[in-house]
Amino acid sequence: MPESRRGVLYGIAAYTMWGLFPLYWPLLKPAGALEILAHRIAWSLVAVVAILAVRRHWSWFRELMRTPRKVGLLALAAAIVTVNWGVYIYAVNTGHVVESALGYFINPLVSVLFGVFLLKERLRPWQWGAVGLGTLAVVVLTLDYGRLPWIALVLAVSFGTYGLVKKIAQVGSAESLTIETLVLLLPALGYLVYLQGQDGATFGTLGAGHALLLAGGGVITAVPLLCFTSAAIRIPLTTIGLLQYIAPVLQFIVGVFVVQEVMPPSRWAGFAIVWLALSVFTWDSLRAARAARRTAPEAVTV
């Protein structure tokens, strides 16, 4: 199989698994969002260490420890991803799957704004148009919800910030996840011990099936991340950019058709504006990529 096709399949697998997460977290009830989050952190570390052990890939650890700046960035990434994971689990288990999908729909637009304000990048006119439409969608949905769609905004901003920090750190996904979960391990274990002491823990009290599902949160965190890494090294970023919409589309489908969340006309209107913004953004990105490929050979021959 060609490497590009293999990369596309890895990407589809990663984003499909991420998109189906809303079906998994409700299985862990009656565990609360914080207990699920703590178990996800602890078991993610177990899963990724097991994967690294199979690959016999440990040489990176000593080198990374010699770079305090990268370790600090990964510690910051750990704090940010904790917020993202916690809010997402809360959203899914409290009936806000559609709003969580909105967060990942608008995430590309948030990343663009980060590029402008933090990295001093310049936007093309059509990109500004997409950002404007995204802002209008947030206004429409604020009026619909009667409040700011804070779940969507926190998910979009935290995930965008997490990606920015990871880009600066330049550390592989498995290695990064190892350090991030290692940083979070003591707080997670401390909370689980506290919960156990208060007789509020569900792990070990609701049978082996429930315990296995809580532990499985680590596996379903590590596996799609590794699939994504395998995709990213095989296919262009433009292809990754298109594949990333698989996850929020699946989340939206789960929210509307499986969980059957209420979708009044005003909410459909807000999402329609978001989808229009993403269509404009994607079209402009593909157009710019094609133009860059056409001019590249000319630049070489001059």
C-alpha atoms as a PDB file:
ATOM      1  CA  MET A   1       0.000   0.000   0.000  1.00  0.00           C
ATOM      2  CA  PRO A   2       1.391   3.471  -0.910  1.00  0.00           C
ATOM      3  CA  GLU A   3       2.505   5.515   2.065  1.00  0.00           C
ATOM      4  CA  SER A   4       0.101   8.358   1.202  1.00  0.00           C
ATOM      5  CA  ARG A   5      -2.898   6.025   1.215  1.00  0.00           C
ATOM      6  CA  ARG A   6      -1.694   4.471   4.451  1.00  0.00           C
ATOM      7  CA  GLY A   7      -1.419   7.966   5.935  1.00  0.00           C
ATOM      8  CA  VAL A   8      -4.980   8.837   4.903  1.00  0.00           C
ATOM      9  CA  LEU A   9      -6.270   5.631   6.517  1.00  0.00           C
ATOM     10  CA  TYR A  10      -4.378   6.416   9.735  1.00  0.00           C
ATOM     11  CA  GLY A  11      -5.871   9.925   9.704  1.00  0.00           C
ATOM     12  CA  ILE A  12      -9.403   8.652   9.122  1.00  0.00           C
ATOM     13  CA  ALA A  13      -8.949   6.152  11.955  1.00  0.00           C
ATOM     14  CA  ALA A  14      -7.698   8.833  14.363  1.00  0.00           C
ATOM     15  CA  TYR A  15     -10.438  11.358  13.667  1.00  0.00           C
ATOM     16  CA  THR A  16     -13.156   8.687  13.608  1.00  0.00           C
ATOM     17  CA  MET A  17     -12.131   7.482  17.058  1.00  0.00           C
ATOM     18  CA  TRP A  18     -12.065  11.071  18.352  1.00  0.00           C
ATOM     19  CA  GLY A  19     -15.472  11.679  16.793  1.00  0.00           C
ATOM     20  CA  LEU A  20     -16.982   8.650  18.533  1.00  0.00           C
ATOM     21  CA  PHE A  21     -15.708   9.605  22.010  1.00  0.00           C
ATOM     22  CA  PRO A  22     -19.202  10.884  22.994  1.00  0.00           C
ATOM     23  CA  LEU A  23     -20.405   7.283  22.874  1.00  0.00           C
ATOM     24  CA  TYR A  24     -17.745   6.125  25.336  1.00  0.00           C
ATOM     25  CA  TRP A  25     -17.777   8.582  28.259  1.00  0.00           C
ATOM     26  CA  PRO A  26     -21.458   8.019  29.198  1.00  0.00           C
ATOM     27  CA  LEU A  27     -20.616   4.325  29.681  1.00  0.00           C
ATOM     28  CA  LEU A  28     -18.529   5.360  32.688  1.00  0.00           C
ATOM     29  CA  LYS A  29     -21.447   6.762  34.670  1.00  0.00           C
ATOM     30  CA  PRO A  30     -22.111   7.082  37.565  1.00  0.00           C
ATOM     31  CA  ALA A  31     -18.460   8.172  37.790  1.00  0.00           C
ATOM     32  CA  GLY A  32     -18.223  11.961  37.778  1.00  0.00           C
ATOM     33  CA  ALA A  33     -16.251  14.013  35.273  1.00  0.00           C
ATOM     34  CA  LEU A  34     -13.308  14.567  37.663  1.00  0.00           C
ATOM     35  CA  GLU A  35     -13.003  10.871  38.515  1.00  0.00           C
ATOM     36  CA  ILE A  36     -13.121   9.948  34.818  1.00  0.00           C
ATOM     37  CA  LEU A  37     -10.506  12.628  34.070  1.00  0.00           C
ATOM     38  CA  ALA A  38      -8.169  11.364  36.812  1.00  0.00           C
ATOM     39  CA  HIS A  39      -8.440   7.782  35.563  1.00  0.00           C
ATOM     40  CA  ARG A  40      -7.912   8.936  31.977  1.00  0.00           C
ATOM     41  CA  ILE A  41      -4.655  10.623  32.982  1.00  0.00           C
ATOM     42  CA  ALA A  42      -3.366   7.647  34.990  1.00  0.00           C
ATOM     43  CA  TRP A  43      -4.301   4.955  32.470  1.00  0.00           C
ATOM     44  CA  SER A  44      -3.084   7.040  29.507  1.00  0.00           C
ATOM     45  CA  LEU A  45       0.372   6.985  31.083  1.00  0.00           C
ATOM     46  CA  VAL A  46       0.161   3.202  31.489  1.00  0.00           C
ATOM     47  CA  ALA A  47      -0.950   2.774  27.869  1.00  0.00           C
ATOM     48  CA  VAL A  48       1.688   5.012  26.309  1.00  0.00           C
ATOM     49  CA  VAL A  49       4.504   3.522  28.444  1.00  0.00           C
ATOM     50  CA  ALA A  50       3.402   0.058  27.297  1.00  0.00           C
ATOM     51  CA  ILE A  51       3.519   1.202  23.661  1.00  0.00           C
ATOM     52  CA  LEU A  52       6.981   2.713  24.116  1.00  0.00           C
ATOM     53  CA  ALA A  53       8.157  -0.489  25.835  1.00  0.00           C
ATOM     54  CA  VAL A  54       7.008  -2.580  22.861  1.00  0.00           C
ATOM     55  CA  ARG A  55       8.825  -0.193  20.518  1.00  0.00           C
ATOM     56  CA  ARG A  56      11.868  -0.143  22.859  1.00  0.00           C
ATOM     57  CA  HIS A  57      11.983   3.589  22.412  1.00  0.00           C
ATOM     58  CA  TRP A  58      13.530   5.205  25.500  1.00  0.00           C
ATOM     59  CA  SER A  59      16.566   7.130  24.286  1.00  0.00           C
ATOM     60  CA  TRP A  60      14.526  10.330  23.909  1.00  0.00           C
ATOM     61  CA  PHE A  61      13.863  10.621  27.657  1.00  0.00           C
ATOM     62  CA  ARG A  62      17.410  11.474  28.728  1.00  0.00           C
ATOM     63  CA  GLU A  63      17.824  13.941  25.875  1.00  0.00           C
ATOM     64  CA  LEU A  64      14.547  15.666  26.717  1.00  0.00           C
ATOM     65  CA  MET A  65      15.478  15.990  30.396  1.00  0.00           C
ATOM     66  CA  ARG A  66      18.523  17.978  29.266  1.00  0.00           C
ATOM     67  CA  THR A  67      16.190  20.585  27.734  1.00  0.00           C
ATOM     68  CA  PRO A  68      14.330  22.308  30.600  1.00  0.00           C
ATOM     69  CA  ARG A  69      12.547  24.653  28.183  1.00  0.00           C
ATOM     70  CA  LYS A  70      10.851  21.755  26.407  1.00  0.00           C
ATOM     71  CA  VAL A  71       9.957  20.088  29.680  1.00  0.00           C
ATOM     72  CA  GLY A  72       8.404  23.352  30.857  1.00  0.00           C
ATOM     73  CA  LEU A  73       6.407  23.672  27.645  1.00  0.00           C
ATOM     74  CA  LEU A  74       5.118  20.124  28.018  1.00  0.00           C
ATOM     75  CA  ALA A  75       4.139  20.831  31.630  1.00  0.00           C
ATOM     76  CA  LEU A  76       2.170  23.839  30.350  1.00  0.00           C
ATOM     77  CA  ALA A  77       0.615  21.633  27.654  1.00  0.00           C
ATOM     78  CA  ALA A  78      -0.374  19.164  30.380  1.00  0.00           C
ATOM     79  CA  ALA A  79      -2.261  21.864  32.285  1.00  0.00           C
ATOM     80  CA  ILE A  80      -4.032  23.016  29.126  1.00  0.00           C
ATOM     81  CA  VAL A  81      -5.040  19.526  27.991  1.00  0.00           C
ATOM     82  CA  THR A  82      -6.407  18.825  31.477  1.00  0.00           C
ATOM     83  CA  VAL A  83      -8.847  21.702  31.009  1.00  0.00           C
ATOM     84  CA  ASN A  84      -9.761  20.441  27.528  1.00  0.00           C
ATOM     85  CA  TRP A  85     -10.296  16.820  28.618  1.00  0.00           C
ATOM     86  CA  GLY A  86     -12.223  17.803  31.734  1.00  0.00           C
ATOM     87  CA  VAL A  87     -14.610  20.188  29.965  1.00  0.00           C
ATOM     88  CA  TYR A  88     -15.160  17.706  27.132  1.00  0.00           C
ATOM     89  CA  ILE A  89     -16.042  14.850  29.500  1.00  0.00           C
ATOM     90  CA  TYR A  90     -18.332  17.189  31.443  1.00  0.00           C
ATOM     91  CA  ALA A  91     -20.024  18.345  28.223  1.00  0.00           C
ATOM     92  CA  VAL A  92     -20.665  14.835  26.924  1.00  0.00           C
ATOM     93  CA  ASN A  93     -21.952  13.487  30.237  1.00  0.00           C
ATOM     94  CA  THR A  94     -24.281  16.443  30.840  1.00  0.00           C
ATOM     95  CA  GLY A  95     -25.989  16.445  27.440  1.00  0.00           C
ATOM     96  CA  HIS A  96     -23.940  19.107  25.608  1.00  0.00           C
ATOM     97  CA  VAL A  97     -22.504  16.932  22.835  1.00  0.00           C
ATOM     98  CA  VAL A  98     -23.616  19.315  20.069  1.00  0.00           C
ATOM     99  CA  GLU A  99     -21.964  22.276  21.815  1.00  0.00           C
ATOM    100  CA  SER A 100     -18.749  20.273  22.201  1.00  0.00           C
ATOM    101  CA  ALA A 101     -18.877  19.536  18.452  1.00  0.00           C
ATOM    102  CA  LEU A 102     -19.204  23.276  17.836  1.00  0.00           C
ATOM    103  CA  GLY A 103     -15.951  23.797  19.732  1.00  0.00           C
ATOM    104  CA  TYR A 104     -14.042  21.557  17.359  1.00  0.00           C
ATOM    105  CA  PHE A 105     -15.768  23.058  14.313  1.00  0.00           C
ATOM    106  CA  ILE A 106     -14.554  26.554  15.220  1.00  0.00           C
ATOM    107  CA  ASN A 107     -11.122  25.373  16.390  1.00  0.00           C
ATOM    108  CA  PRO A 108      -9.469  25.989  12.961  1.00  0.00           C
ATOM    109  CA  LEU A 109     -10.689  29.589  13.049  1.00  0.00           C
ATOM    110  CA  VAL A 110      -9.320  30.026  16.581  1.00  0.00           C
ATOM    111  CA  SER A 111      -5.967  28.645  15.411  1.00  0.00           C
ATOM    112  CA  VAL A 112      -5.962  31.217  12.603  1.00  0.00           C
ATOM    113  CA  LEU A 113      -6.505  34.026  15.120  1.00  0.00           C
ATOM    114  CA  PHE A 114      -3.639  32.691  17.231  1.00  0.00           C
ATOM    115  CA  GLY A 115      -1.464  32.852  14.136  1.00  0.00           C
ATOM    116  CA  VAL A 116      -2.393  36.505  13.604  1.00  0.00           C
ATOM    117  CA  PHE A 117      -2.084  37.793  17.168  1.00  0.00           C
ATOM    118  CA  LEU A 118       0.692  35.572  18.536  1.00  0.00           C
ATOM    119  CA  LEU A 119       2.793  34.576  15.517  1.00  0.00           C
ATOM    120  CA  LYS A 120       2.209  37.813  13.557  1.00  0.00           C
ATOM    121  CA  GLU A 121       0.951  35.942  10.508  1.00  0.00           C
ATOM    122  CA  ARG A 122      -1.023  37.800   7.848  1.00  0.00           C
ATOM    123  CA  LEU A 123      -4.440  36.593   6.749  1.00  0.00           C
ATOM    124  CA  ARG A 124      -5.735  36.598   3.209  1.00  0.00           C
ATOM    125  CA  PRO A 125      -9.060  38.427   2.597  1.00  0.00           C
ATOM    126  CA  TRP A 126     -11.075  35.212   2.341  1.00  0.00           C
ATOM    127  CA  GLN A 127      -9.604  34.020   5.635  1.00  0.00           C
ATOM    128  CA  TRP A 128     -10.759  37.237   7.301  1.00  0.00           C
ATOM    129  CA  GLY A 129     -14.181  36.569   5.805  1.00  0.00           C
ATOM    130  CA  ALA A 130     -14.226  33.096   7.370  1.00  0.00           C
ATOM    131  CA  VAL A 131     -13.228  34.503  10.763  1.00  0.00           C
ATOM    132  CA  GLY A 132     -15.968  37.129  10.487  1.00  0.00           C
ATOM    133  CA  LEU A 133     -18.574  34.466   9.713  1.00  0.00           C
ATOM    134  CA  GLY A 134     -17.326  32.406  12.659  1.00  0.00           C
ATOM    135  CA  THR A 135     -17.749  35.430  14.945  1.00  0.00           C
ATOM    136  CA  LEU A 136     -21.273  35.985  13.621  1.00  0.00           C
ATOM    137  CA  ALA A 137     -22.080  32.325  14.324  1.00  0.00           C
ATOM    138  CA  VAL A 138     -20.972  32.700  17.949  1.00  0.00           C
ATOM    139  CA  VAL A 139     -23.253  35.748  18.296  1.00  0.00           C
ATOM    140  CA  VAL A 140     -26.222  33.847  16.810  1.00  0.00           C
ATOM    141  CA  LEU A 141     -25.613  30.837  19.055  1.00  0.00           C
ATOM    142  CA  THR A 142     -25.202  33.091  22.102  1.00  0.00           C
ATOM    143  CA  LEU A 143     -28.672  34.491  21.433  1.00  0.00           C
ATOM    144  CA  ASP A 144     -29.981  30.949  20.918  1.00  0.00           C
ATOM    145  CA  TYR A 145     -28.509  29.499  24.117  1.00  0.00           C
ATOM    146  CA  GLY A 146     -29.215  32.640  26.123  1.00  0.00           C
ATOM    147  CA  ARG A 147     -25.558  32.595  27.175  1.00  0.00           C
ATOM    148  CA  LEU A 148     -22.112  32.437  25.627  1.00  0.00           C
ATOM    149  CA  PRO A 149     -21.480  28.913  24.273  1.00  0.00           C
ATOM    150  CA  TRP A 150     -18.713  28.645  26.863  1.00  0.00           C
ATOM    151  CA  ILE A 151     -18.183  24.903  26.457  1.00  0.00           C
ATOM    152  CA  ALA A 152     -17.489  25.330  22.740  1.00  0.00           C
ATOM    153  CA  LEU A 153     -15.243  28.348  23.309  1.00  0.00           C
ATOM    154  CA  VAL A 154     -13.227  26.703  26.102  1.00  0.00           C
ATOM    155  CA  LEU A 155     -12.734  23.559  23.999  1.00  0.00           C
ATOM    156  CA  ALA A 156     -11.705  25.550  20.912  1.00  0.00           C
ATOM    157  CA  VAL A 157      -9.335  27.910  22.748  1.00  0.00           C
ATOM    158  CA  SER A 158      -7.784  25.210  24.952  1.00  0.00           C
ATOM    159  CA  PHE A 159      -7.219  22.827  22.034  1.00  0.00           C
ATOM    160  CA  GLY A 160      -5.841  25.639  19.877  1.00  0.00           C
ATOM    161  CA  THR A 161      -3.493  26.724  22.685  1.00  0.00           C
ATOM    162  CA  TYR A 162      -2.449  23.124  23.273  1.00  0.00           C
ATOM    163  CA  GLY A 163      -1.565  22.741  19.593  1.00  0.00           C
ATOM    164  CA  LEU A 164       0.389  25.995  19.645  1.00  0.00           C
ATOM    165  CA  VAL A 165       2.438  24.940  22.688  1.00  0.00           C
ATOM    166  CA  LYS A 166       3.087  21.504  21.182  1.00  0.00           C
ATOM    167  CA  LYS A 167       4.215  23.135  17.931  1.00  0.00           C
ATOM    168  CA  ILE A 168       6.734  25.260  19.833  1.00  0.00           C
ATOM    169  CA  ALA A 169       7.940  22.269  21.897  1.00  0.00           C
ATOM    170  CA  GLN A 170       8.533  20.044  18.823  1.00  0.00           C
ATOM    171  CA  VAL A 171       8.307  16.728  20.699  1.00  0.00           C
ATOM    172  CA  GLY A 172       6.783  13.525  19.274  1.00  0.00           C
ATOM    173  CA  SER A 173       3.225  12.656  20.285  1.00  0.00           C
ATOM    174  CA  ALA A 174       3.945   9.489  22.279  1.00  0.00           C
ATOM    175  CA  GLU A 175       6.902  11.122  24.024  1.00  0.00           C
ATOM    176  CA  SER A 176       4.889  14.265  24.698  1.00  0.00           C
ATOM    177  CA  LEU A 177       1.906  12.348  26.082  1.00  0.00           C
ATOM    178  CA  THR A 178       4.262  10.437  28.382  1.00  0.00           C
ATOM    179  CA  ILE A 179       5.674  13.629  29.910  1.00  0.00           C
ATOM    180  CA  GLU A 180       2.280  15.344  30.078  1.00  0.00           C
ATOM    181  CA  THR A 181       0.599  12.466  31.903  1.00  0.00           C
ATOM    182  CA  LEU A 182       3.672  12.039  34.122  1.00  0.00           C
ATOM    183  CA  VAL A 183       3.329  15.691  35.178  1.00  0.00           C
ATOM    184  CA  LEU A 184      -0.372  15.150  35.907  1.00  0.00           C
ATOM    185  CA  LEU A 185       0.011  11.755  37.568  1.00  0.00           C
ATOM    186  CA  LEU A 186       0.473  12.875  41.188  1.00  0.00           C
ATOM    187  CA  PRO A 187      -2.529  15.261  41.206  1.00  0.00           C
ATOM    188  CA  ALA A 188      -4.650  12.578  39.506  1.00  0.00           C
ATOM    189  CA  LEU A 189      -3.629   9.855  41.952  1.00  0.00           C
ATOM    190  CA  GLY A 190      -4.048  12.262  44.867  1.00  0.00           C
ATOM    191  CA  TYR A 191      -7.619  12.999  43.829  1.00  0.00           C
ATOM    192  CA  LEU A 192      -8.410   9.301  43.380  1.00  0.00           C
ATOM    193  CA  VAL A 193      -7.014   8.496  46.836  1.00  0.00           C
ATOM    194  CA  TYR A 194      -9.052  11.352  48.316  1.00  0.00           C
ATOM    195  CA  LEU A 195     -12.180  10.109  46.532  1.00  0.00           C
ATOM    196  CA  GLN A 196     -11.584   6.594  47.813  1.00  0.00           C
ATOM    197  CA  GLY A 197     -11.211   7.921  51.361  1.00  0.00           C
ATOM    198  CA  GLN A 198     -14.514   9.771  51.052  1.00  0.00           C
ATOM    199  CA  ASP A 199     -16.266   6.612  49.775  1.00  0.00           C
ATOM    200  CA  GLY A 200     -17.054   8.500  46.573  1.00  0.00           C
ATOM    201  CA  ALA A 201     -15.016   6.399  44.132  1.00  0.00           C
ATOM    202  CA  THR A 202     -16.738   4.095  41.660  1.00  0.00           C
ATOM    203  CA  PHE A 203     -13.572   2.228  40.607  1.00  0.00           C
ATOM    204  CA  GLY A 204     -13.568  -1.202  42.259  1.00  0.00           C
ATOM    205  CA  THR A 205     -17.064  -0.784  43.718  1.00  0.00           C
ATOM    206  CA  LEU A 206     -19.220  -1.350  40.612  1.00  0.00           C
ATOM    207  CA  GLY A 207     -17.663  -4.539  39.293  1.00  0.00           C
ATOM    208  CA  ALA A 208     -14.875  -5.517  36.930  1.00  0.00           C
ATOM    209  CA  GLY A 209     -16.690  -4.237  33.849  1.00  0.00           C
ATOM    210  CA  HIS A 210     -16.856  -0.679  35.131  1.00  0.00           C
ATOM    211  CA  ALA A 211     -13.208  -0.811  36.247  1.00  0.00           C
ATOM    212  CA  LEU A 212     -12.132  -2.006  32.791  1.00  0.00           C
ATOM    213  CA  LEU A 213     -14.094   0.789  31.114  1.00  0.00           C
ATOM    214  CA  LEU A 214     -12.369   3.387  33.311  1.00  0.00           C
ATOM    215  CA  ALA A 215      -8.975   1.869  32.493  1.00  0.00           C
ATOM    216  CA  GLY A 216      -9.937   1.762  28.810  1.00  0.00           C
ATOM    217  CA  GLY A 217     -10.000   5.558  28.812  1.00  0.00           C
ATOM    218  CA  GLY A 218      -6.211   5.441  28.682  1.00  0.00           C
ATOM    219  CA  VAL A 219      -6.162   3.167  25.641  1.00  0.00           C
ATOM    220  CA  ILE A 220      -8.682   5.233  23.683  1.00  0.00           C
ATOM    221  CA  THR A 221      -6.588   8.320  24.452  1.00  0.00           C
ATOM    222  CA  ALA A 222      -3.255   6.881  23.286  1.00  0.00           C
ATOM    223  CA  VAL A 223      -4.301   4.896  20.193  1.00  0.00           C
ATOM    224  CA  PRO A 224      -5.883   7.712  18.100  1.00  0.00           C
ATOM    225  CA  LEU A 225      -2.992  10.005  19.008  1.00  0.00           C
ATOM    226  CA  LEU A 226      -0.495   7.504  17.627  1.00  0.00           C
ATOM    227  CA  CYS A 227      -2.650   7.043  14.514  1.00  0.00           C
ATOM    228  CA  PHE A 228      -2.659  10.796  14.035  1.00  0.00           C
ATOM    229  CA  THR A 229       1.137  10.927  14.293  1.00  0.00           C
ATOM    230  CA  SER A 230       1.446   8.161  11.710  1.00  0.00           C
ATOM    231  CA  ALA A 231      -0.836  10.154   9.406  1.00  0.00           C
ATOM    232  CA  ALA A 232       0.942  13.470   9.915  1.00  0.00           C
ATOM    233  CA  ILE A 233       4.306  12.119   8.754  1.00  0.00           C
ATOM    234  CA  ARG A 234       2.824  10.587   5.591  1.00  0.00           C
ATOM    235  CA  ILE A 235       0.352  13.106   4.166  1.00  0.00           C
ATOM    236  CA  PRO A 236       0.311  16.893   3.559  1.00  0.00           C
ATOM    237  CA  LEU A 237      -1.095  19.287   6.157  1.00  0.00           C
ATOM    238  CA  THR A 238      -3.842  20.280   3.712  1.00  0.00           C
ATOM    239  CA  THR A 239      -5.102  16.696   3.759  1.00  0.00           C
ATOM    240  CA  ILE A 240      -4.895  16.634   7.567  1.00  0.00           C
ATOM    241  CA  GLY A 241      -6.875  19.870   7.572  1.00  0.00           C
ATOM    242  CA  LEU A 242      -9.690  18.250   5.591  1.00  0.00           C
ATOM    243  CA  LEU A 243      -9.698  15.063   7.654  1.00  0.00           C
ATOM    244  CA  GLN A 244      -9.987  16.995  10.928  1.00  0.00           C
ATOM    245  CA  TYR A 245     -13.648  17.766  10.190  1.00  0.00           C
ATOM    246  CA  ILE A 246     -14.500  14.060  10.542  1.00  0.00           C
ATOM    247  CA  ALA A 247     -14.402  14.297  14.352  1.00  0.00           C
ATOM    248  CA  PRO A 248     -16.836  17.210  14.913  1.00  0.00           C
ATOM    249  CA  VAL A 249     -19.164  15.907  12.179  1.00  0.00           C
ATOM    250  CA  LEU A 250     -19.411  12.561  13.982  1.00  0.00           C
ATOM    251  CA  GLN A 251     -19.820  14.321  17.344  1.00  0.00           C
ATOM    252  CA  PHE A 252     -22.623  16.425  15.873  1.00  0.00           C
ATOM    253  CA  ILE A 253     -24.348  13.325  14.446  1.00  0.00           C
ATOM    254  CA  VAL A 254     -24.107  11.578  17.821  1.00  0.00           C
ATOM    255  CA  GLY A 255     -25.503  14.635  19.606  1.00  0.00           C
ATOM    256  CA  VAL A 256     -28.450  15.126  17.254  1.00  0.00           C
ATOM    257  CA  PHE A 257     -29.400  11.583  16.251  1.00  0.00           C
ATOM    258  CA  VAL A 258     -28.155   9.362  19.108  1.00  0.00           C
ATOM    259  CA  VAL A 259     -28.405  11.577  22.199  1.00  0.00           C
ATOM    260  CA  GLN A 260     -31.240  13.502  20.478  1.00  0.00           C
ATOM    261  CA  GLU A 261     -30.368  16.912  21.854  1.00  0.00           C
ATOM    262  CA  VAL A 262     -32.810  19.711  21.061  1.00  0.00           C
ATOM    263  CA  MET A 263     -31.926  21.676  17.904  1.00  0.00           C
ATOM    264  CA  PRO A 264     -34.248  24.687  17.442  1.00  0.00           C
ATOM    265  CA  PRO A 265     -34.144  26.559  14.088  1.00  0.00           C
ATOM    266  CA  SER A 266     -31.966  29.330  15.562  1.00  0.00           C
ATOM    267  CA  ARG A 267     -29.320  26.752  16.544  1.00  0.00           C
ATOM    268  CA  TRP A 268     -29.391  25.218  13.080  1.00  0.00           C
ATOM    269  CA  ALA A 269     -28.871  28.733  11.704  1.00  0.00           C
ATOM    270  CA  GLY A 270     -25.832  29.245  13.907  1.00  0.00           C
ATOM    271  CA  PHE A 271     -24.298  25.942  12.819  1.00  0.00           C
ATOM    272  CA  ALA A 272     -25.075  26.732   9.175  1.00  0.00           C
ATOM    273  CA  ILE A 273     -23.036  29.929   9.481  1.00  0.00           C
ATOM    274  CA  VAL A 274     -20.180  27.951  11.081  1.00  0.00           C
ATOM    275  CA  TRP A 275     -20.235  25.444   8.223  1.00  0.00           C
ATOM    276  CA  LEU A 276     -20.252  28.286   5.684  1.00  0.00           C
ATOM    277  CA  ALA A 277     -17.239  29.825   7.432  1.00  0.00           C
ATOM    278  CA  LEU A 278     -15.397  26.501   7.327  1.00  0.00           C
ATOM    279  CA  SER A 279     -16.278  26.034   3.640  1.00  0.00           C
ATOM    280  CA  VAL A 280     -14.809  29.446   2.819  1.00  0.00           C
ATOM    281  CA  PHE A 281     -11.741  28.754   4.974  1.00  0.00           C
ATOM    282  CA  THR A 282     -11.146  25.306   3.417  1.00  0.00           C
ATOM    283  CA  TRP A 283     -11.680  26.544  -0.148  1.00  0.00           C
ATOM    284  CA  ASP A 284      -9.208  29.389   0.366  1.00  0.00           C
ATOM    285  CA  SER A 285      -6.636  27.060   1.984  1.00  0.00           C
ATOM    286  CA  LEU A 286      -6.842  24.587  -0.919  1.00  0.00           C
ATOM    287  CA  ARG A 287      -6.632  27.436  -3.454  1.00  0.00           C
ATOM    288  CA  ALA A 288      -3.529  28.838  -1.737  1.00  0.00           C
ATOM    289  CA  ALA A 289      -1.929  25.374  -1.580  1.00  0.00           C
ATOM    290  CA  ARG A 290      -2.498  24.809  -5.316  1.00  0.00           C
ATOM    291  CA  ALA A 291      -1.037  28.238  -6.118  1.00  0.00           C
ATOM    292  CA  ALA A 292       2.035  27.473  -3.989  1.00  0.00           C
ATOM    293  CA  ARG A 293       2.589  24.163  -5.823  1.00  0.00           C
ATOM    294  CA  ARG A 294       2.324  25.896  -9.213  1.00  0.00           C
ATOM    295  CA  THR A 295       4.857  28.586  -8.323  1.00  0.00           C
ATOM    296  CA  ALA A 296       7.338  26.259  -6.609  1.00  0.00           C
ATOM    297  CA  PRO A 297       8.868  24.804  -9.841  1.00  0.00           C
ATOM    298  CA  GLU A 298       9.136  28.304 -11.334  1.00  0.00           C
ATOM    299  CA  ALA A 299      11.071  29.476  -8.286  1.00  0.00           C
ATOM    300  CA  VAL A 300      13.519  26.599  -8.686  1.00  0.00           C
ATOM    301  CA  THR A 301      14.179  27.229 -12.389  1.00  0.00           C
ATOM    302  CA  VAL A 302      14.778  30.961 -12.084  1.00  0.00           C
END
